[in-house]
């Protein structure tokens, strides 16, 4: 039997099953909230601002614009300070200075390459920022301090046309740099729960091929309707007779 669903029928279905849809939304939202709380791991980021200083002779010899020079210098510094050898120096220094912390969490060279990020505010800037992110605020701060201590000498080993100096030192940060996203996940869970439950209720309803009303026959079959069986329960509640013993007493 082919059945067409009208907007009115959809609204009636929503009204009839609203509690199932709402309950499912709240349930999924609660699961999303609990998951956000349970899986959340705070991370702490320490930043170090590095100023690149170029000599006048280098600018003349390069014969490039300030913007291009800044990009070239930044790219070179980033490459030199993100090598695995330099990360190994930071790791060894950390291990030597903080042996107890190293036993708790050994920060190896490969791990540091992923934990340290290099960014620049704009293409004309000669200052770039190095961020160190760990699960412990003290660890991030200590690694940031070691980086700012070793970075100038690392650049000096390979470059004599420019140098770097720290313009903003590392600071200990007690506020996590990542968010729980609990509110966002809860709202998303509510919406997903409502939509999925409605789809399930809707599919169950349209899959029900039982004839429940006169319109089910009139709308789907080209045959006349000779009569219908009344709803005796409704008739009894309204106290109206249909000739079946439910008439008024008098």
Protein backbone atom coordinates (compact mmCIF):
# COMPACT_ATOMS: atom_id res chain seq x y z
CA UNK A 1 0.00 0.00 0.00
CA UNK A 2 1.48 3.28 -1.08
CA UNK A 3 1.19 5.92 1.57
CA UNK A 4 1.78 9.64 1.26
CA UNK A 5 2.76 11.54 4.37
CA UNK A 6 1.46 15.07 4.78
CA UNK A 7 2.90 17.81 6.92
CA UNK A 8 -0.13 17.58 9.19
CA UNK A 9 0.51 13.89 9.81
CA UNK A 10 4.13 14.67 10.67
CA UNK A 11 3.01 17.30 13.17
CA UNK A 12 0.50 14.88 14.66
CA UNK A 13 3.24 12.26 14.97
CA UNK A 14 5.52 14.77 16.69
CA UNK A 15 2.74 15.68 19.11
CA UNK A 16 1.95 12.04 19.79
CA UNK A 17 5.55 10.89 20.34
CA UNK A 18 7.09 14.10 21.72
CA UNK A 19 8.06 12.50 25.00
CA UNK A 20 10.01 9.74 23.27
CA UNK A 21 11.85 12.25 21.09
CA UNK A 22 12.62 14.57 24.00
CA UNK A 23 13.71 11.74 26.28
CA UNK A 24 16.05 10.38 23.60
CA UNK A 25 17.56 13.84 23.09
CA UNK A 26 18.17 14.30 26.82
CA UNK A 27 19.67 10.81 27.10
CA UNK A 28 22.12 11.32 24.23
CA UNK A 29 22.99 14.81 25.55
CA UNK A 30 23.77 13.33 28.98
CA UNK A 31 25.98 10.68 27.36
CA UNK A 32 27.81 13.35 25.35
CA UNK A 33 28.32 15.48 28.48
CA UNK A 34 29.61 12.52 30.48
CA UNK A 35 31.95 11.51 27.67
CA UNK A 36 33.35 15.06 27.48
CA UNK A 37 33.99 15.11 31.22
CA UNK A 38 35.50 11.61 31.33
CA UNK A 39 37.82 11.91 28.34
CA UNK A 40 38.98 15.49 28.95
CA UNK A 41 42.71 15.84 29.56
CA UNK A 42 43.87 19.40 30.34
CA UNK A 43 46.89 20.65 28.44
CA UNK A 44 49.07 23.64 29.23
CA UNK A 45 50.91 25.78 26.73
CA UNK A 46 53.92 27.97 27.38
CA UNK A 47 54.97 30.43 24.68
CA UNK A 48 58.30 32.07 23.87
CA UNK A 49 58.59 35.03 21.47
CA UNK A 50 61.79 35.07 19.43
CA UNK A 51 63.11 38.18 17.66
CA UNK A 52 65.21 37.70 14.54
CA UNK A 53 67.86 40.39 14.08
CA UNK A 54 69.39 40.82 10.63
CA UNK A 55 72.55 42.79 9.85
CA UNK A 56 72.63 45.59 7.28
CA UNK A 57 75.19 43.77 5.18
CA UNK A 58 72.91 40.79 4.87
CA UNK A 59 70.07 42.98 3.68
CA UNK A 60 72.19 44.54 0.94
CA UNK A 61 73.62 41.26 -0.24
CA UNK A 62 70.26 39.57 -0.33
CA UNK A 63 68.71 42.51 -2.20
CA UNK A 64 65.21 41.45 -1.28
CA UNK A 65 62.27 43.27 0.21
CA UNK A 66 61.69 43.34 3.94
CA UNK A 67 58.75 41.02 3.67
CA UNK A 68 60.67 38.43 1.65
CA UNK A 69 63.63 38.68 3.99
CA UNK A 70 61.41 38.16 7.01
CA UNK A 71 59.85 35.08 5.42
CA UNK A 72 63.24 33.67 4.47
CA UNK A 73 64.73 34.26 7.89
CA UNK A 74 61.72 32.86 9.70
CA UNK A 75 61.72 29.76 7.51
CA UNK A 76 65.42 29.20 8.11
CA UNK A 77 65.16 29.70 11.87
CA UNK A 78 62.17 27.41 12.08
CA UNK A 79 64.02 24.70 10.18
CA UNK A 80 67.11 25.00 12.39
CA UNK A 81 65.18 25.06 15.67
CA UNK A 82 62.87 22.18 14.80
CA UNK A 83 65.54 19.65 13.86
CA UNK A 84 65.64 16.41 15.76
CA UNK A 85 69.21 17.15 16.84
CA UNK A 86 68.13 20.39 18.53
CA UNK A 87 65.16 18.64 20.12
CA UNK A 88 67.61 16.05 21.40
CA UNK A 89 69.65 18.83 23.04
CA UNK A 90 66.53 20.13 24.77
CA UNK A 91 65.57 16.61 25.86
CA UNK A 92 69.05 15.87 27.25
CA UNK A 93 69.15 19.19 29.12
CA UNK A 94 65.73 18.54 30.63
CA UNK A 95 66.78 15.06 31.70
CA UNK A 96 69.97 16.38 33.29
CA UNK A 97 68.30 19.23 35.18
CA UNK A 98 65.10 17.48 36.22
CA UNK A 99 65.82 13.77 36.66
CA UNK A 100 62.75 13.13 38.83
CA UNK A 101 60.48 14.81 36.31
CA UNK A 102 62.15 12.81 33.55
CA UNK A 103 61.33 9.57 35.34
CA UNK A 104 57.69 10.66 35.56
CA UNK A 105 57.49 11.78 31.93
CA UNK A 106 60.47 11.40 29.56
CA UNK A 107 60.21 14.01 26.82
CA UNK A 108 62.15 12.55 23.92
CA UNK A 109 63.22 14.34 20.73
CA UNK A 110 60.43 12.93 18.56
CA UNK A 111 57.82 13.84 21.16
CA UNK A 112 59.16 17.41 21.41
CA UNK A 113 58.96 17.86 17.63
CA UNK A 114 55.21 17.33 17.89
CA UNK A 115 54.81 19.31 21.12
CA UNK A 116 56.58 22.46 19.87
CA UNK A 117 54.81 24.66 17.32
CA UNK A 118 56.20 27.65 15.41
CA UNK A 119 53.90 30.48 14.37
CA UNK A 120 54.25 34.02 13.05
CA UNK A 121 51.64 36.77 13.38
CA UNK A 122 52.10 38.28 9.93
CA UNK A 123 54.34 37.79 6.95
CA UNK A 124 56.27 41.03 7.55
CA UNK A 125 57.06 40.28 11.18
CA UNK A 126 60.54 39.39 12.38
CA UNK A 127 59.15 37.90 15.60
CA UNK A 128 57.90 34.36 15.73
CA UNK A 129 56.34 32.45 18.61
CA UNK A 130 57.29 29.01 19.84
CA UNK A 131 54.65 27.20 21.89
CA UNK A 132 55.28 24.16 24.08
CA UNK A 133 52.26 22.08 25.10
CA UNK A 134 52.26 19.30 27.70
CA UNK A 135 49.84 17.86 30.25
CA UNK A 136 51.72 19.53 33.10
CA UNK A 137 52.12 23.33 33.49
CA UNK A 138 55.53 22.96 35.17
CA UNK A 139 56.83 20.75 32.37
CA UNK A 140 55.71 23.21 29.69
CA UNK A 141 57.38 26.08 31.54
CA UNK A 142 60.66 24.20 32.08
CA UNK A 143 60.86 23.09 28.44
CA UNK A 144 60.12 26.66 27.33
CA UNK A 145 62.94 27.98 29.50
CA UNK A 146 65.38 25.44 28.08
CA UNK A 147 64.34 26.32 24.54
CA UNK A 148 64.90 30.06 25.01
CA UNK A 149 68.28 29.35 26.60
CA UNK A 150 69.57 27.08 23.83
CA UNK A 151 67.95 28.70 20.76
CA UNK A 152 70.38 31.67 20.27
CA UNK A 153 73.45 29.43 20.39
CA UNK A 154 71.83 26.94 18.00
CA UNK A 155 71.24 29.66 15.40
CA UNK A 156 74.73 31.07 15.94
CA UNK A 157 76.27 27.69 15.03
CA UNK A 158 74.90 27.92 11.48
CA UNK A 159 74.23 31.59 10.72
CA UNK A 160 76.40 34.70 11.10
CA UNK A 161 74.29 37.09 9.00
CA UNK A 162 71.53 37.24 11.59
CA UNK A 163 70.85 36.22 15.14
CA UNK A 164 67.93 35.62 17.45
CA UNK A 165 67.11 36.88 20.90
CA UNK A 166 64.20 36.28 23.23
CA UNK A 167 61.72 39.15 23.20
CA UNK A 168 59.20 37.54 25.57
CA UNK A 169 60.32 34.82 27.95
CA UNK A 170 58.46 31.69 28.96
CA UNK A 171 55.89 32.00 31.73
CA UNK A 172 54.17 29.37 33.80
CA UNK A 173 50.51 29.05 32.79
CA UNK A 174 47.98 27.49 35.15
CA UNK A 175 44.97 27.76 32.83
CA UNK A 176 44.51 24.87 30.36
CA UNK A 177 44.92 25.85 26.73
CA UNK A 178 42.35 23.31 25.55
CA UNK A 179 38.65 23.36 26.30
CA UNK A 180 36.41 20.53 27.50
CA UNK A 181 33.85 21.46 24.83
CA UNK A 182 31.26 20.02 27.20
CA UNK A 183 28.61 22.62 26.32
CA UNK A 184 29.08 22.19 22.59
CA UNK A 185 29.08 18.40 22.81
CA UNK A 186 25.98 18.42 25.02
CA UNK A 187 24.06 20.60 22.57
CA UNK A 188 25.19 18.45 19.66
CA UNK A 189 24.16 15.33 21.57
CA UNK A 190 20.71 16.79 22.23
CA UNK A 191 20.19 17.61 18.56
CA UNK A 192 21.49 14.25 17.39
CA UNK A 193 19.29 12.41 19.88
CA UNK A 194 16.18 14.35 18.84
CA UNK A 195 16.80 13.85 15.12
CA UNK A 196 17.65 10.15 15.39
CA UNK A 197 14.68 9.39 17.62
CA UNK A 198 12.32 11.22 15.28
CA UNK A 199 13.69 9.32 12.29
CA UNK A 200 13.20 6.01 14.12
CA UNK A 201 9.67 6.92 15.23
CA UNK A 202 8.84 8.15 11.72
CA UNK A 203 10.18 4.98 10.04
CA UNK A 204 8.24 2.77 12.46
CA UNK A 205 5.06 4.75 11.79
CA UNK A 206 5.27 4.64 7.99
CA UNK A 207 6.22 0.94 8.12
CA UNK A 208 2.97 0.17 9.91
CA UNK A 209 0.66 -1.03 7.10
CA UNK A 210 -2.33 -1.64 9.32
CA UNK A 211 -5.55 0.21 8.42
CA UNK A 212 -6.30 2.48 11.34
CA UNK A 213 -8.57 5.12 9.84
CA UNK A 214 -11.00 5.65 6.97
CA UNK A 215 -8.53 7.84 5.12
CA UNK A 216 -6.13 4.89 4.83
CA UNK A 217 -8.67 3.23 2.48
CA UNK A 218 -10.02 6.31 0.72
CA UNK A 219 -6.56 7.69 -0.07
CA UNK A 220 -5.04 4.46 -1.32
CA UNK A 221 -7.82 2.38 -2.92
CA UNK A 222 -10.30 3.34 -5.69
CA UNK A 223 -13.21 1.66 -3.94
CA UNK A 224 -16.20 3.15 -2.12
CA UNK A 225 -16.46 2.94 1.65
CA UNK A 226 -19.71 1.21 2.61
CA UNK A 227 -19.44 1.69 6.36
CA UNK A 228 -17.15 1.77 9.36
CA UNK A 229 -17.04 0.23 12.83
CA UNK A 230 -17.40 2.91 15.50
CA UNK A 231 -14.93 3.33 18.34
CA UNK A 232 -16.99 1.96 21.24
CA UNK A 233 -14.60 3.24 23.90
CA UNK A 234 -14.86 6.79 22.62
CA UNK A 235 -18.64 6.44 22.28
CA UNK A 236 -18.97 5.22 25.84
CA UNK A 237 -16.91 8.11 27.19
CA UNK A 238 -19.02 10.64 25.29
CA UNK A 239 -22.20 8.78 26.36
CA UNK A 240 -23.61 8.82 22.87
CA UNK A 241 -25.34 5.79 21.43
CA UNK A 242 -24.71 4.15 18.09
CA UNK A 243 -27.48 1.58 18.36
CA UNK A 244 -25.22 -0.91 20.14
CA UNK A 245 -26.45 -0.53 23.67
CA UNK A 246 -24.59 2.64 24.50
CA UNK A 247 -27.52 5.06 24.14
CA UNK A 248 -28.75 7.38 26.84
CA UNK A 249 -30.93 5.96 29.54
CA UNK A 250 -34.34 7.55 29.75
